[in-house]
Amino acid sequence: DQLASRVNTLLATGDVRGVSRHTTKLTNRLMALATDLLAEANAVTSQPEHASAEPQSKQRFLSDELITSFTTQPWCSSLLTALERPPLQETALTAVVALAAHCDWDDL
């Protein structure tokens, strides 16, 4: 949540012209990383469980934890804020699609 709060703070700084090129680049990379991690986690959680597969059980647990970490209110909220910033819109839209099933959009 601290990272999401910092991203949200960066996005909330106002006019994109006031946000440095490095901040925009970092924010894009963070959103892309979260999207990639969630895609992997979703792939693991969508696989059928095998009763005797302990490593798979650990993998599923970690995937669930990862999904929970990237679908907190601050993360989901920061994506909506990013959609308002032209240099971030494409990456933010991809992230919103990846998070659509997991974010509680009604609470934002």
Protein backbone atom coordinates (compact mmCIF):
# COMPACT_ATOMS: atom_id res chain seq x y z
CA ASP A 1 0.00 0.00 0.00
CA GLN A 2 2.92 2.38 0.56
CA LEU A 3 4.02 1.99 -3.05
CA ALA A 4 0.47 2.52 -4.28
CA SER A 5 0.18 5.62 -2.11
CA ARG A 6 3.39 7.01 -3.58
CA VAL A 7 2.21 6.32 -7.13
CA ASN A 8 -1.09 7.99 -6.30
CA THR A 9 0.78 10.97 -4.87
CA LEU A 10 2.87 11.20 -8.02
CA LEU A 11 -0.25 11.07 -10.16
CA ALA A 12 -2.06 13.62 -8.04
CA THR A 13 0.64 16.25 -8.46
CA GLY A 14 -1.59 17.97 -10.96
CA ASP A 15 -0.66 19.04 -14.44
CA VAL A 16 1.39 16.46 -16.34
CA ARG A 17 3.74 19.23 -17.45
CA GLY A 18 4.71 19.55 -13.79
CA VAL A 19 5.47 15.84 -13.52
CA SER A 20 8.95 14.95 -14.61
CA ARG A 21 9.58 12.65 -17.53
CA HIS A 22 11.26 10.24 -15.10
CA THR A 23 8.18 10.11 -12.88
CA THR A 24 5.97 9.34 -15.86
CA LYS A 25 8.36 6.64 -17.02
CA LEU A 26 8.54 5.10 -13.53
CA THR A 27 4.76 5.16 -13.14
CA ASN A 28 4.30 3.49 -16.53
CA ARG A 29 6.79 0.79 -15.58
CA LEU A 30 5.13 0.17 -12.21
CA MET A 31 1.72 -0.22 -13.83
CA ALA A 32 3.15 -2.54 -16.50
CA LEU A 33 4.92 -4.64 -13.85
CA ALA A 34 1.73 -4.94 -11.79
CA THR A 35 -0.17 -5.97 -14.93
CA ASP A 36 2.40 -8.64 -15.79
CA LEU A 37 2.48 -9.99 -12.24
CA LEU A 38 -1.31 -10.16 -12.12
CA ALA A 39 -1.44 -11.98 -15.45
CA GLU A 40 0.90 -14.63 -14.05
CA ALA A 41 -1.04 -14.84 -10.79
CA ASN A 42 -4.34 -15.19 -12.66
CA ALA A 43 -2.86 -18.00 -14.75
CA VAL A 44 -1.87 -19.89 -11.61
CA THR A 45 -5.18 -19.39 -9.83
CA SER A 46 -7.16 -20.49 -12.88
CA GLN A 47 -5.38 -23.86 -13.04
CA PRO A 48 -7.23 -26.78 -11.44
CA GLU A 49 -5.87 -27.84 -8.05
CA HIS A 50 -4.37 -31.28 -7.56
CA ALA A 51 -4.85 -32.69 -4.08
CA SER A 52 -1.29 -33.98 -3.73
CA ALA A 53 0.55 -31.05 -5.28
CA GLU A 54 1.98 -29.08 -2.35
CA PRO A 55 4.22 -26.83 -4.50
CA GLN A 56 1.17 -25.91 -6.56
CA SER A 57 -0.69 -25.09 -3.34
CA LYS A 58 2.11 -22.71 -2.30
CA GLN A 59 2.11 -21.19 -5.75
CA ARG A 60 -1.64 -20.62 -5.55
CA PHE A 61 -1.27 -19.02 -2.10
CA LEU A 62 1.43 -16.65 -3.37
CA SER A 63 -0.66 -15.81 -6.41
CA ASP A 64 -3.66 -15.02 -4.22
CA GLU A 65 -1.47 -12.82 -2.02
CA LEU A 66 -0.11 -11.03 -5.09
CA ILE A 67 -3.60 -10.38 -6.43
CA THR A 68 -4.68 -9.07 -3.03
CA SER A 69 -1.65 -6.76 -2.87
CA PHE A 70 -2.29 -5.17 -6.26
CA THR A 71 -6.03 -4.78 -5.87
CA THR A 72 -6.17 -2.59 -2.80
CA GLN A 73 -8.14 0.61 -2.90
CA PRO A 74 -5.01 2.77 -3.36
CA TRP A 75 -3.80 0.72 -6.35
CA CYS A 76 -7.16 0.67 -8.08
CA SER A 77 -7.66 4.35 -7.37
CA SER A 78 -4.24 5.27 -8.75
CA LEU A 79 -5.11 3.55 -12.03
CA LEU A 80 -8.22 5.67 -12.40
CA THR A 81 -6.13 8.76 -11.74
CA ALA A 82 -3.58 7.61 -14.34
CA LEU A 83 -6.34 7.35 -16.94
CA GLU A 84 -6.63 11.14 -16.73
CA ARG A 85 -2.96 11.64 -17.67
CA PRO A 86 -2.32 11.35 -21.43
CA PRO A 87 1.22 9.93 -21.14
CA LEU A 88 -0.08 7.20 -18.82
CA GLN A 89 -3.43 6.33 -20.40
CA GLU A 90 -2.40 3.36 -22.52
CA THR A 91 -0.59 1.54 -19.72
CA ALA A 92 -3.29 2.48 -17.22
CA LEU A 93 -6.03 1.11 -19.47
CA THR A 94 -4.15 -2.19 -19.84
CA ALA A 95 -3.79 -2.36 -16.06
CA VAL A 96 -7.47 -1.56 -15.49
CA VAL A 97 -8.44 -4.42 -17.80
CA ALA A 98 -6.12 -6.79 -15.90
CA LEU A 99 -7.52 -5.65 -12.54
CA ALA A 100 -11.15 -5.33 -13.59
CA ALA A 101 -12.30 -8.54 -11.96
CA HIS A 102 -10.39 -7.91 -8.74
CA CYS A 103 -10.82 -4.22 -7.86
CA ASP A 104 -13.84 -3.09 -5.91
CA TRP A 105 -14.68 -0.20 -8.22
CA ASP A 106 -17.76 0.80 -6.19
CA ASP A 107 -15.58 1.87 -3.26
CA LEU A 108 -13.47 4.31 -5.28
